[in-house]
Amino acid sequence: MTCTWLIVNEASGSYDAAVIADIVTWFANSDQPVDCIVRCPDEDLPTAETLRTSGVETLAIYAGDGTTNSALKAAAGWDGGVLILPGGTMNLLARALHGEQPCDAIIAEAGRDRRTRQLSTVEIGESIAYVGVIAGPTTSWAQVRENARHREVADLVFNAIPAAISESLGGPQVGIEGHAESFPAIFAAPRDTTMALCGFTASSISEVLSHASAWLNGDFREGPRVDLGSAASATLTSEAETIGLLIDGEPAECRPGDTLRLGHAPHNFITTRPSEDHLTPAP
C-alpha cells in the first residue's frame, strides 16, 4: 500500500460530497486507501515539504484545471506520483493522461499498473500552464463560462456574452513575433519537445458564436482557429498595453513582448493511457 492524499475543491460547481465518498471507496478497493483529504479552498494546499515529511507517495487531485494548476505549483519539488482525476468543467489534463475514462476506472488502473511520466509545460513570466495558455481578448469568454457554471443567467445574457462578443470583434489583436497575422487570441499548448501554436479567429458573429459554443460545451480548443506551427518559444505582439491570459483556464495578464516558452513539469504524473497514445491532443 502507498500513503495517498486526495485534494478536492469544495467550491467547484461540480463538487458533490457523495462523489468524494465514492472516490475514497474506489481507492480503498484498489489497495490505495486515502490517508488524508485536503479540502480547498478552506485548507492550504500541501507543499513539497509537507508531502515529504508525511510520507505521501501518491497525491490525487480531483478538481478542475485551474485548481489542479495551483496544487501542482504548491507541490513542486516533491517526487511522488500525481494522479489527476476529472473533477472540473473541462478536465483537459485528466483527459490527456487518461483519455475519457471515469474516475473509478482511472483509480483501478493506477492501482494495478502504476506508470508515471513527466510532461512538458508552457511558461510565461512566473506562470506555468500544464494544458495551455490563451492570450488575447477572447479570454473574456472565461467570464461567460464562469457565469454559466454558476447559473447566473441574467448576468450571462445582459453582460458577459455581449462584452465577450464586443471584445472578440473589437479588442486589440494579438500576434506572434515573426508572423504577419494577428488574432483575437493565441493558444499555446505543450508537446514533448515543442509548443503547438494556433490563432483563434473571430472575424464574424458566426465565428464568435462558435467560440461561445466551444467554451460553454467544455473545450475551448474546438473554436475556429488557424494553425501557426510549433516553436520552443514565441514572443507576443499587440497594440494593447496589457494582454489578457488564461493559464489553464485561470485569468492572468502579461505585456506585449513577453514570451511563451516550453518548460518541463517538475512532477511524475501517473498515466493510465496506452503508452503509444500521444498524451496532449493537438489544439
C-alpha atoms as a PDB file:
ATOM      1  CA  MET A   1       0.000   0.000   0.000  1.00  0.00           C
ATOM      2  CA  THR A   2       1.032   3.602  -0.549  1.00  0.00           C
ATOM      3  CA  CYS A   3       0.323   6.710   1.502  1.00  0.00           C
ATOM      4  CA  THR A   4      -2.283   8.564  -0.550  1.00  0.00           C
ATOM      5  CA  TRP A   5      -3.589  12.107  -0.141  1.00  0.00           C
ATOM      6  CA  LEU A   6      -6.583  13.468  -2.037  1.00  0.00           C
ATOM      7  CA  ILE A   7      -7.147  17.144  -2.901  1.00  0.00           C
ATOM      8  CA  VAL A   8     -10.728  18.230  -3.626  1.00  0.00           C
ATOM      9  CA  ASN A   9     -12.207  21.647  -4.401  1.00  0.00           C
ATOM     10  CA  GLU A  10     -15.370  22.123  -2.363  1.00  0.00           C
ATOM     11  CA  ALA A  11     -16.019  25.475  -4.068  1.00  0.00           C
ATOM     12  CA  SER A  12     -16.289  23.887  -7.505  1.00  0.00           C
ATOM     13  CA  GLY A  13     -19.682  23.992  -9.197  1.00  0.00           C
ATOM     14  CA  SER A  14     -19.361  20.261  -9.838  1.00  0.00           C
ATOM     15  CA  TYR A  15     -18.468  19.339  -6.223  1.00  0.00           C
ATOM     16  CA  ASP A  16     -20.566  16.516  -4.788  1.00  0.00           C
ATOM     17  CA  ALA A  17     -19.843  15.011  -1.365  1.00  0.00           C
ATOM     18  CA  ALA A  18     -21.315  11.690  -2.458  1.00  0.00           C
ATOM     19  CA  VAL A  19     -18.840  11.516  -5.359  1.00  0.00           C
ATOM     20  CA  ILE A  20     -15.944  12.180  -2.971  1.00  0.00           C
ATOM     21  CA  ALA A  21     -17.161   9.317  -0.785  1.00  0.00           C
ATOM     22  CA  ASP A  22     -17.234   7.075  -3.868  1.00  0.00           C
ATOM     23  CA  ILE A  23     -13.697   8.105  -4.801  1.00  0.00           C
ATOM     24  CA  VAL A  24     -12.440   7.230  -1.324  1.00  0.00           C
ATOM     25  CA  THR A  25     -14.132   3.813  -1.656  1.00  0.00           C
ATOM     26  CA  TRP A  26     -12.592   3.209  -5.090  1.00  0.00           C
ATOM     27  CA  PHE A  27      -9.129   3.964  -3.694  1.00  0.00           C
ATOM     28  CA  ALA A  28      -9.689   1.571  -0.791  1.00  0.00           C
ATOM     29  CA  ASN A  29     -10.889  -1.141  -3.179  1.00  0.00           C
ATOM     30  CA  SER A  30      -7.697  -0.774  -5.223  1.00  0.00           C
ATOM     31  CA  ASP A  31      -5.478  -1.179  -2.134  1.00  0.00           C
ATOM     32  CA  GLN A  32      -4.693   2.565  -2.053  1.00  0.00           C
ATOM     33  CA  PRO A  33      -6.638   3.855   0.983  1.00  0.00           C
ATOM     34  CA  VAL A  34      -6.869   7.641   1.237  1.00  0.00           C
ATOM     35  CA  ASP A  35      -4.978   8.762   4.335  1.00  0.00           C
ATOM     36  CA  CYS A  36      -5.903  12.446   4.143  1.00  0.00           C
ATOM     37  CA  ILE A  37      -8.388  14.629   2.240  1.00  0.00           C
ATOM     38  CA  VAL A  38      -7.288  18.226   1.658  1.00  0.00           C
ATOM     39  CA  ARG A  39     -10.396  20.367   1.182  1.00  0.00           C
ATOM     40  CA  CYS A  40      -9.606  23.569  -0.637  1.00  0.00           C
ATOM     41  CA  PRO A  41     -10.112  26.494  -0.593  1.00  0.00           C
ATOM     42  CA  ASP A  42     -10.607  26.238   3.192  1.00  0.00           C
ATOM     43  CA  GLU A  43      -7.416  24.226   3.725  1.00  0.00           C
ATOM     44  CA  ASP A  44      -3.939  25.067   2.460  1.00  0.00           C
ATOM     45  CA  LEU A  45      -2.643  23.111  -0.496  1.00  0.00           C
ATOM     46  CA  PRO A  46       0.186  20.794   0.592  1.00  0.00           C
ATOM     47  CA  THR A  47       3.740  21.872  -0.141  1.00  0.00           C
ATOM     48  CA  ALA A  48       6.535  19.578  -1.261  1.00  0.00           C
ATOM     49  CA  GLU A  49       7.944  19.633   2.277  1.00  0.00           C
ATOM     50  CA  THR A  50       4.575  18.685   3.790  1.00  0.00           C
ATOM     51  CA  LEU A  51       4.188  15.782   1.384  1.00  0.00           C
ATOM     52  CA  ARG A  52       7.730  14.539   2.024  1.00  0.00           C
ATOM     53  CA  THR A  53       7.533  14.701   5.816  1.00  0.00           C
ATOM     54  CA  SER A  54       4.123  12.982   5.753  1.00  0.00           C
ATOM     55  CA  GLY A  55       5.472  10.120   3.639  1.00  0.00           C
ATOM     56  CA  VAL A  56       2.981  10.705   0.830  1.00  0.00           C
ATOM     57  CA  GLU A  57       3.634   8.560  -2.230  1.00  0.00           C
ATOM     58  CA  THR A  58       0.511   9.380  -4.262  1.00  0.00           C
ATOM     59  CA  LEU A  59      -1.164  12.785  -4.494  1.00  0.00           C
ATOM     60  CA  ALA A  60      -4.569  12.527  -6.158  1.00  0.00           C
ATOM     61  CA  ILE A  61      -6.249  15.738  -7.338  1.00  0.00           C
ATOM     62  CA  TYR A  62      -9.998  15.805  -8.012  1.00  0.00           C
ATOM     63  CA  ALA A  63     -10.563  19.318  -9.334  1.00  0.00           C
ATOM     64  CA  GLY A  64     -10.646  21.433 -12.475  1.00  0.00           C
ATOM     65  CA  ASP A  65      -7.601  22.513 -14.456  1.00  0.00           C
ATOM     66  CA  GLY A  66      -7.206  25.799 -12.551  1.00  0.00           C
ATOM     67  CA  THR A  67      -7.222  24.260  -9.074  1.00  0.00           C
ATOM     68  CA  THR A  68      -5.016  21.453 -10.334  1.00  0.00           C
ATOM     69  CA  ASN A  69      -2.519  24.041 -11.573  1.00  0.00           C
ATOM     70  CA  SER A  70      -2.401  25.676  -8.111  1.00  0.00           C
ATOM     71  CA  ALA A  71      -1.950  22.302  -6.394  1.00  0.00           C
ATOM     72  CA  LEU A  72       0.894  21.346  -8.713  1.00  0.00           C
ATOM     73  CA  LYS A  73       2.604  24.683  -8.112  1.00  0.00           C
ATOM     74  CA  ALA A  74       2.390  24.170  -4.340  1.00  0.00           C
ATOM     75  CA  ALA A  75       3.805  20.624  -4.623  1.00  0.00           C
ATOM     76  CA  ALA A  76       6.686  21.470  -6.983  1.00  0.00           C
ATOM     77  CA  GLY A  77       9.847  19.648  -5.899  1.00  0.00           C
ATOM     78  CA  TRP A  78       8.085  16.610  -4.425  1.00  0.00           C
ATOM     79  CA  ASP A  79       8.995  13.419  -6.294  1.00  0.00           C
ATOM     80  CA  GLY A  80       5.938  11.214  -5.633  1.00  0.00           C
ATOM     81  CA  GLY A  81       3.253  10.263  -8.152  1.00  0.00           C
ATOM     82  CA  VAL A  82       0.493  12.734  -9.071  1.00  0.00           C
ATOM     83  CA  LEU A  83      -2.843  11.216 -10.099  1.00  0.00           C
ATOM     84  CA  ILE A  84      -5.077  13.732 -11.891  1.00  0.00           C
ATOM     85  CA  LEU A  85      -8.800  12.889 -11.744  1.00  0.00           C
ATOM     86  CA  PRO A  86     -11.527  14.575 -13.848  1.00  0.00           C
ATOM     87  CA  GLY A  87     -13.246  16.821 -11.308  1.00  0.00           C
ATOM     88  CA  GLY A  88     -13.892  20.082 -13.152  1.00  0.00           C
ATOM     89  CA  THR A  89     -15.513  21.606 -16.212  1.00  0.00           C
ATOM     90  CA  MET A  90     -13.034  20.808 -18.982  1.00  0.00           C
ATOM     91  CA  ASN A  91     -10.613  18.333 -17.351  1.00  0.00           C
ATOM     92  CA  LEU A  92      -8.137  18.689 -20.195  1.00  0.00           C
ATOM     93  CA  LEU A  93      -5.137  17.469 -18.210  1.00  0.00           C
ATOM     94  CA  ALA A  94      -7.026  14.436 -16.896  1.00  0.00           C
ATOM     95  CA  ARG A  95      -8.153  13.636 -20.436  1.00  0.00           C
ATOM     96  CA  ALA A  96      -4.582  13.941 -21.688  1.00  0.00           C
ATOM     97  CA  LEU A  97      -3.346  11.452 -19.084  1.00  0.00           C
ATOM     98  CA  HIS A  98      -6.290   9.037 -19.009  1.00  0.00           C
ATOM     99  CA  GLY A  99      -8.436   9.609 -22.097  1.00  0.00           C
ATOM    100  CA  GLU A 100     -12.171   9.690 -21.420  1.00  0.00           C
ATOM    101  CA  GLN A 101     -12.110   7.150 -18.576  1.00  0.00           C
ATOM    102  CA  PRO A 102     -14.236   7.844 -15.467  1.00  0.00           C
ATOM    103  CA  CYS A 103     -12.680   8.167 -12.031  1.00  0.00           C
ATOM    104  CA  ASP A 104     -13.341   4.604 -10.900  1.00  0.00           C
ATOM    105  CA  ALA A 105     -11.598   3.142 -13.956  1.00  0.00           C
ATOM    106  CA  ILE A 106      -8.629   5.511 -13.606  1.00  0.00           C
ATOM    107  CA  ILE A 107      -8.147   4.673  -9.919  1.00  0.00           C
ATOM    108  CA  ALA A 108      -8.432   0.931 -10.531  1.00  0.00           C
ATOM    109  CA  GLU A 109      -5.950   1.001 -13.420  1.00  0.00           C
ATOM    110  CA  ALA A 110      -3.488   3.155 -11.463  1.00  0.00           C
ATOM    111  CA  GLY A 111      -3.651   0.610  -8.638  1.00  0.00           C
ATOM    112  CA  ARG A 112      -2.977  -2.308 -11.000  1.00  0.00           C
ATOM    113  CA  ASP A 113      -0.246  -0.702 -13.077  1.00  0.00           C
ATOM    114  CA  ARG A 114       1.438   2.390 -11.640  1.00  0.00           C
ATOM    115  CA  ARG A 115       3.058   4.063 -14.658  1.00  0.00           C
ATOM    116  CA  THR A 116       4.400   7.607 -14.441  1.00  0.00           C
ATOM    117  CA  ARG A 117       5.771  10.100 -16.912  1.00  0.00           C
ATOM    118  CA  GLN A 118       6.807  13.714 -16.986  1.00  0.00           C
ATOM    119  CA  LEU A 119       5.046  16.339 -19.063  1.00  0.00           C
ATOM    120  CA  SER A 120       6.082  19.492 -20.838  1.00  0.00           C
ATOM    121  CA  THR A 121       4.535  22.846 -19.921  1.00  0.00           C
ATOM    122  CA  VAL A 122       4.049  26.322 -21.366  1.00  0.00           C
ATOM    123  CA  GLU A 123       5.587  29.080 -19.264  1.00  0.00           C
ATOM    124  CA  ILE A 124       5.160  32.857 -19.378  1.00  0.00           C
ATOM    125  CA  GLY A 125       6.673  35.031 -16.680  1.00  0.00           C
ATOM    126  CA  GLU A 126       6.262  33.172 -13.400  1.00  0.00           C
ATOM    127  CA  SER A 127       3.187  31.269 -14.616  1.00  0.00           C
ATOM    128  CA  ILE A 128       3.187  27.616 -15.686  1.00  0.00           C
ATOM    129  CA  ALA A 129       0.439  26.002 -17.778  1.00  0.00           C
ATOM    130  CA  TYR A 130       0.068  22.235 -17.949  1.00  0.00           C
ATOM    131  CA  VAL A 131      -2.770  22.370 -20.519  1.00  0.00           C
ATOM    132  CA  GLY A 132      -2.037  25.604 -22.317  1.00  0.00           C
ATOM    133  CA  VAL A 133      -2.073  29.409 -22.421  1.00  0.00           C
ATOM    134  CA  ILE A 134      -4.613  31.582 -24.210  1.00  0.00           C
ATOM    135  CA  ALA A 135      -3.555  35.192 -24.806  1.00  0.00           C
ATOM    136  CA  GLY A 136      -5.900  37.880 -26.121  1.00  0.00           C
ATOM    137  CA  PRO A 137      -9.353  39.485 -25.919  1.00  0.00           C
ATOM    138  CA  THR A 138     -11.268  36.225 -26.327  1.00  0.00           C
ATOM    139  CA  THR A 139     -10.130  35.331 -22.820  1.00  0.00           C
ATOM    140  CA  SER A 140     -13.240  37.328 -21.836  1.00  0.00           C
ATOM    141  CA  TRP A 141     -15.192  34.142 -22.644  1.00  0.00           C
ATOM    142  CA  ALA A 142     -13.854  32.767 -19.345  1.00  0.00           C
ATOM    143  CA  GLN A 143     -16.348  35.029 -17.558  1.00  0.00           C
ATOM    144  CA  VAL A 144     -19.126  33.648 -19.741  1.00  0.00           C
ATOM    145  CA  ARG A 145     -18.185  30.116 -18.746  1.00  0.00           C
ATOM    146  CA  GLU A 146     -17.914  31.071 -15.064  1.00  0.00           C
ATOM    147  CA  ASN A 147     -21.366  32.661 -15.061  1.00  0.00           C
ATOM    148  CA  ALA A 148     -22.825  29.653 -16.865  1.00  0.00           C
ATOM    149  CA  ARG A 149     -21.177  27.339 -14.333  1.00  0.00           C
ATOM    150  CA  HIS A 150     -22.905  29.222 -11.501  1.00  0.00           C
ATOM    151  CA  ARG A 151     -26.152  29.625 -13.484  1.00  0.00           C
ATOM    152  CA  GLU A 152     -26.055  33.427 -13.346  1.00  0.00           C
ATOM    153  CA  VAL A 153     -28.382  33.633 -16.341  1.00  0.00           C
ATOM    154  CA  ALA A 154     -29.264  37.336 -16.151  1.00  0.00           C
ATOM    155  CA  ASP A 155     -25.610  38.419 -15.985  1.00  0.00           C
ATOM    156  CA  LEU A 156     -24.783  35.931 -18.740  1.00  0.00           C
ATOM    157  CA  VAL A 157     -27.396  37.366 -21.125  1.00  0.00           C
ATOM    158  CA  PHE A 158     -27.113  41.067 -20.354  1.00  0.00           C
ATOM    159  CA  ASN A 159     -23.440  41.483 -19.506  1.00  0.00           C
ATOM    160  CA  ALA A 160     -20.972  38.619 -20.029  1.00  0.00           C
ATOM    161  CA  ILE A 161     -21.966  37.482 -23.540  1.00  0.00           C
ATOM    162  CA  PRO A 162     -22.317  40.994 -25.043  1.00  0.00           C
ATOM    163  CA  ALA A 163     -18.973  42.021 -23.503  1.00  0.00           C
ATOM    164  CA  ALA A 164     -17.256  38.899 -24.828  1.00  0.00           C
ATOM    165  CA  ILE A 165     -18.656  39.477 -28.331  1.00  0.00           C
ATOM    166  CA  SER A 166     -17.591  43.128 -28.265  1.00  0.00           C
ATOM    167  CA  GLU A 167     -14.052  42.295 -27.152  1.00  0.00           C
ATOM    168  CA  SER A 168     -13.733  39.409 -29.599  1.00  0.00           C
ATOM    169  CA  LEU A 169     -14.699  41.605 -32.569  1.00  0.00           C
ATOM    170  CA  GLY A 170     -13.208  44.935 -31.500  1.00  0.00           C
ATOM    171  CA  GLY A 171     -10.409  44.371 -28.981  1.00  0.00           C
ATOM    172  CA  PRO A 172      -6.712  44.803 -29.871  1.00  0.00           C
ATOM    173  CA  GLN A 173      -5.452  41.759 -31.729  1.00  0.00           C
ATOM    174  CA  VAL A 174      -2.552  39.584 -30.601  1.00  0.00           C
ATOM    175  CA  GLY A 175       0.191  38.113 -32.740  1.00  0.00           C
ATOM    176  CA  ILE A 176       3.458  36.227 -32.551  1.00  0.00           C
ATOM    177  CA  GLU A 177       6.733  37.886 -33.469  1.00  0.00           C
ATOM    178  CA  GLY A 178       7.744  36.697 -36.939  1.00  0.00           C
ATOM    179  CA  HIS A 179       4.142  36.050 -38.085  1.00  0.00           C
ATOM    180  CA  ALA A 180       2.339  38.671 -40.161  1.00  0.00           C
ATOM    181  CA  GLU A 181      -1.170  37.821 -38.962  1.00  0.00           C
ATOM    182  CA  SER A 182      -2.782  38.827 -35.694  1.00  0.00           C
ATOM    183  CA  PHE A 183      -5.760  37.240 -33.977  1.00  0.00           C
ATOM    184  CA  PRO A 184      -8.289  37.774 -31.194  1.00  0.00           C
ATOM    185  CA  ALA A 185      -6.312  35.182 -29.242  1.00  0.00           C
ATOM    186  CA  ILE A 186      -3.233  32.987 -29.465  1.00  0.00           C
ATOM    187  CA  PHE A 187      -3.219  29.496 -27.962  1.00  0.00           C
ATOM    188  CA  ALA A 188      -0.012  27.692 -26.995  1.00  0.00           C
ATOM    189  CA  ALA A 189      -0.141  24.035 -25.913  1.00  0.00           C
ATOM    190  CA  PRO A 190       2.792  21.930 -24.654  1.00  0.00           C
ATOM    191  CA  ARG A 191       4.125  18.966 -26.586  1.00  0.00           C
ATOM    192  CA  ASP A 192       7.035  16.666 -25.744  1.00  0.00           C
ATOM    193  CA  THR A 193       9.708  18.825 -27.404  1.00  0.00           C
ATOM    194  CA  THR A 194       7.884  21.967 -28.568  1.00  0.00           C
ATOM    195  CA  MET A 195       4.793  24.140 -28.220  1.00  0.00           C
ATOM    196  CA  ALA A 196       1.912  23.847 -30.686  1.00  0.00           C
ATOM    197  CA  LEU A 197       0.609  27.296 -31.631  1.00  0.00           C
ATOM    198  CA  CYS A 198      -2.642  28.439 -33.173  1.00  0.00           C
ATOM    199  CA  GLY A 199      -4.564  31.668 -33.617  1.00  0.00           C
ATOM    200  CA  PHE A 200      -8.268  31.780 -32.773  1.00  0.00           C
ATOM    201  CA  THR A 201     -10.319  33.674 -35.365  1.00  0.00           C
ATOM    202  CA  ALA A 202     -13.380  35.805 -34.640  1.00  0.00           C
ATOM    203  CA  SER A 203     -13.958  37.986 -37.678  1.00  0.00           C
ATOM    204  CA  SER A 204     -17.712  37.446 -37.821  1.00  0.00           C
ATOM    205  CA  ILE A 205     -20.642  36.924 -35.488  1.00  0.00           C
ATOM    206  CA  SER A 206     -20.867  33.279 -36.587  1.00  0.00           C
ATOM    207  CA  GLU A 207     -17.237  32.628 -35.586  1.00  0.00           C
ATOM    208  CA  VAL A 208     -17.768  34.389 -32.251  1.00  0.00           C
ATOM    209  CA  LEU A 209     -20.827  32.244 -31.580  1.00  0.00           C
ATOM    210  CA  SER A 210     -18.768  29.164 -32.476  1.00  0.00           C
ATOM    211  CA  HIS A 211     -16.293  30.228 -29.787  1.00  0.00           C
ATOM    212  CA  ALA A 212     -19.159  30.694 -27.347  1.00  0.00           C
ATOM    213  CA  SER A 213     -20.410  27.198 -28.086  1.00  0.00           C
ATOM    214  CA  ALA A 214     -16.917  25.729 -27.647  1.00  0.00           C
ATOM    215  CA  TRP A 215     -16.443  27.499 -24.294  1.00  0.00           C
ATOM    216  CA  LEU A 216     -19.838  26.544 -22.933  1.00  0.00           C
ATOM    217  CA  ASN A 217     -19.529  22.931 -24.110  1.00  0.00           C
ATOM    218  CA  GLY A 218     -16.284  22.478 -22.200  1.00  0.00           C
ATOM    219  CA  ASP A 219     -13.451  22.560 -24.762  1.00  0.00           C
ATOM    220  CA  PHE A 220     -12.307  25.979 -25.975  1.00  0.00           C
ATOM    221  CA  ARG A 221      -9.973  24.305 -28.498  1.00  0.00           C
ATOM    222  CA  GLU A 222     -12.974  23.488 -30.695  1.00  0.00           C
ATOM    223  CA  GLY A 223     -13.365  27.158 -31.670  1.00  0.00           C
ATOM    224  CA  PRO A 224     -12.403  28.465 -35.159  1.00  0.00           C
ATOM    225  CA  ARG A 225      -8.603  28.623 -35.459  1.00  0.00           C
ATOM    226  CA  VAL A 226      -5.546  28.831 -37.741  1.00  0.00           C
ATOM    227  CA  ASP A 227      -2.534  26.552 -37.250  1.00  0.00           C
ATOM    228  CA  LEU A 228       0.645  28.569 -36.586  1.00  0.00           C
ATOM    229  CA  GLY A 229       3.066  25.666 -36.396  1.00  0.00           C
ATOM    230  CA  SER A 230       5.318  24.904 -33.450  1.00  0.00           C
ATOM    231  CA  ALA A 231       8.195  26.526 -31.598  1.00  0.00           C
ATOM    232  CA  ALA A 232      10.158  26.309 -28.358  1.00  0.00           C
ATOM    233  CA  SER A 233       9.385  29.977 -27.668  1.00  0.00           C
ATOM    234  CA  ALA A 234       7.045  32.641 -29.051  1.00  0.00           C
ATOM    235  CA  THR A 235       7.041  36.369 -28.271  1.00  0.00           C
ATOM    236  CA  LEU A 236       3.604  38.010 -28.108  1.00  0.00           C
ATOM    237  CA  THR A 237       2.865  41.228 -30.007  1.00  0.00           C
ATOM    238  CA  SER A 238      -0.090  43.596 -29.629  1.00  0.00           C
ATOM    239  CA  GLU A 239      -1.034  47.278 -29.671  1.00  0.00           C
ATOM    240  CA  ALA A 240      -2.691  46.788 -26.280  1.00  0.00           C
ATOM    241  CA  GLU A 241      -0.886  47.901 -23.134  1.00  0.00           C
ATOM    242  CA  THR A 242      -1.685  44.583 -21.464  1.00  0.00           C
ATOM    243  CA  ILE A 243      -2.762  41.213 -22.851  1.00  0.00           C
ATOM    244  CA  GLY A 244      -5.341  39.053 -21.083  1.00  0.00           C
ATOM    245  CA  LEU A 245      -4.224  35.498 -20.360  1.00  0.00           C
ATOM    246  CA  LEU A 246      -5.866  32.277 -19.336  1.00  0.00           C
ATOM    247  CA  ILE A 247      -3.369  29.951 -17.640  1.00  0.00           C
ATOM    248  CA  ASP A 248      -5.075  26.544 -17.625  1.00  0.00           C
ATOM    249  CA  GLY A 249      -8.349  28.475 -17.603  1.00  0.00           C
ATOM    250  CA  GLU A 250      -7.414  30.902 -14.808  1.00  0.00           C
ATOM    251  CA  PRO A 251      -7.109  34.644 -15.617  1.00  0.00           C
ATOM    252  CA  ALA A 252      -3.796  36.496 -15.638  1.00  0.00           C
ATOM    253  CA  GLU A 253      -2.112  39.281 -17.620  1.00  0.00           C
ATOM    254  CA  CYS A 254       1.098  39.919 -19.496  1.00  0.00           C
ATOM    255  CA  ARG A 255       2.522  42.668 -21.715  1.00  0.00           C
ATOM    256  CA  PRO A 256       3.458  42.796 -25.398  1.00  0.00           C
ATOM    257  CA  GLY A 257       7.000  41.496 -25.727  1.00  0.00           C
ATOM    258  CA  ASP A 258       6.534  38.796 -23.105  1.00  0.00           C
ATOM    259  CA  THR A 259       7.498  35.324 -24.296  1.00  0.00           C
ATOM    260  CA  LEU A 260       5.748  31.979 -24.181  1.00  0.00           C
ATOM    261  CA  ARG A 261       8.322  29.230 -23.740  1.00  0.00           C
ATOM    262  CA  LEU A 262       8.450  25.466 -23.472  1.00  0.00           C
ATOM    263  CA  GLY A 263       9.123  24.133 -19.986  1.00  0.00           C
ATOM    264  CA  HIS A 264       9.108  20.812 -18.167  1.00  0.00           C
ATOM    265  CA  ALA A 265       6.869  19.967 -15.219  1.00  0.00           C
ATOM    266  CA  PRO A 266       8.714  19.020 -12.002  1.00  0.00           C
ATOM    267  CA  HIS A 267       6.283  16.166 -11.334  1.00  0.00           C
ATOM    268  CA  ASN A 268       5.803  12.452 -12.012  1.00  0.00           C
ATOM    269  CA  PHE A 269       2.286  12.091 -13.440  1.00  0.00           C
ATOM    270  CA  ILE A 270       0.510   8.756 -13.168  1.00  0.00           C
ATOM    271  CA  THR A 271      -0.953   7.842 -16.558  1.00  0.00           C
ATOM    272  CA  THR A 272      -3.413   5.112 -17.483  1.00  0.00           C
ATOM    273  CA  ARG A 273      -3.448   5.686 -21.245  1.00  0.00           C
ATOM    274  CA  PRO A 274      -1.728   3.164 -23.518  1.00  0.00           C
ATOM    275  CA  SER A 275       1.909   4.149 -23.919  1.00  0.00           C
ATOM    276  CA  GLU A 276       1.525   4.642 -27.668  1.00  0.00           C
ATOM    277  CA  ASP A 277      -1.112   7.356 -27.213  1.00  0.00           C
ATOM    278  CA  HIS A 278       0.060  10.945 -27.529  1.00  0.00           C
ATOM    279  CA  LEU A 279      -0.894  12.487 -24.213  1.00  0.00           C
ATOM    280  CA  THR A 280      -1.824  16.016 -25.238  1.00  0.00           C
ATOM    281  CA  PRO A 281      -4.264  16.343 -28.148  1.00  0.00           C
ATOM    282  CA  ALA A 282      -3.423  18.925 -30.775  1.00  0.00           C
ATOM    283  CA  PRO A 283      -5.169  22.299 -30.447  1.00  0.00           C
END
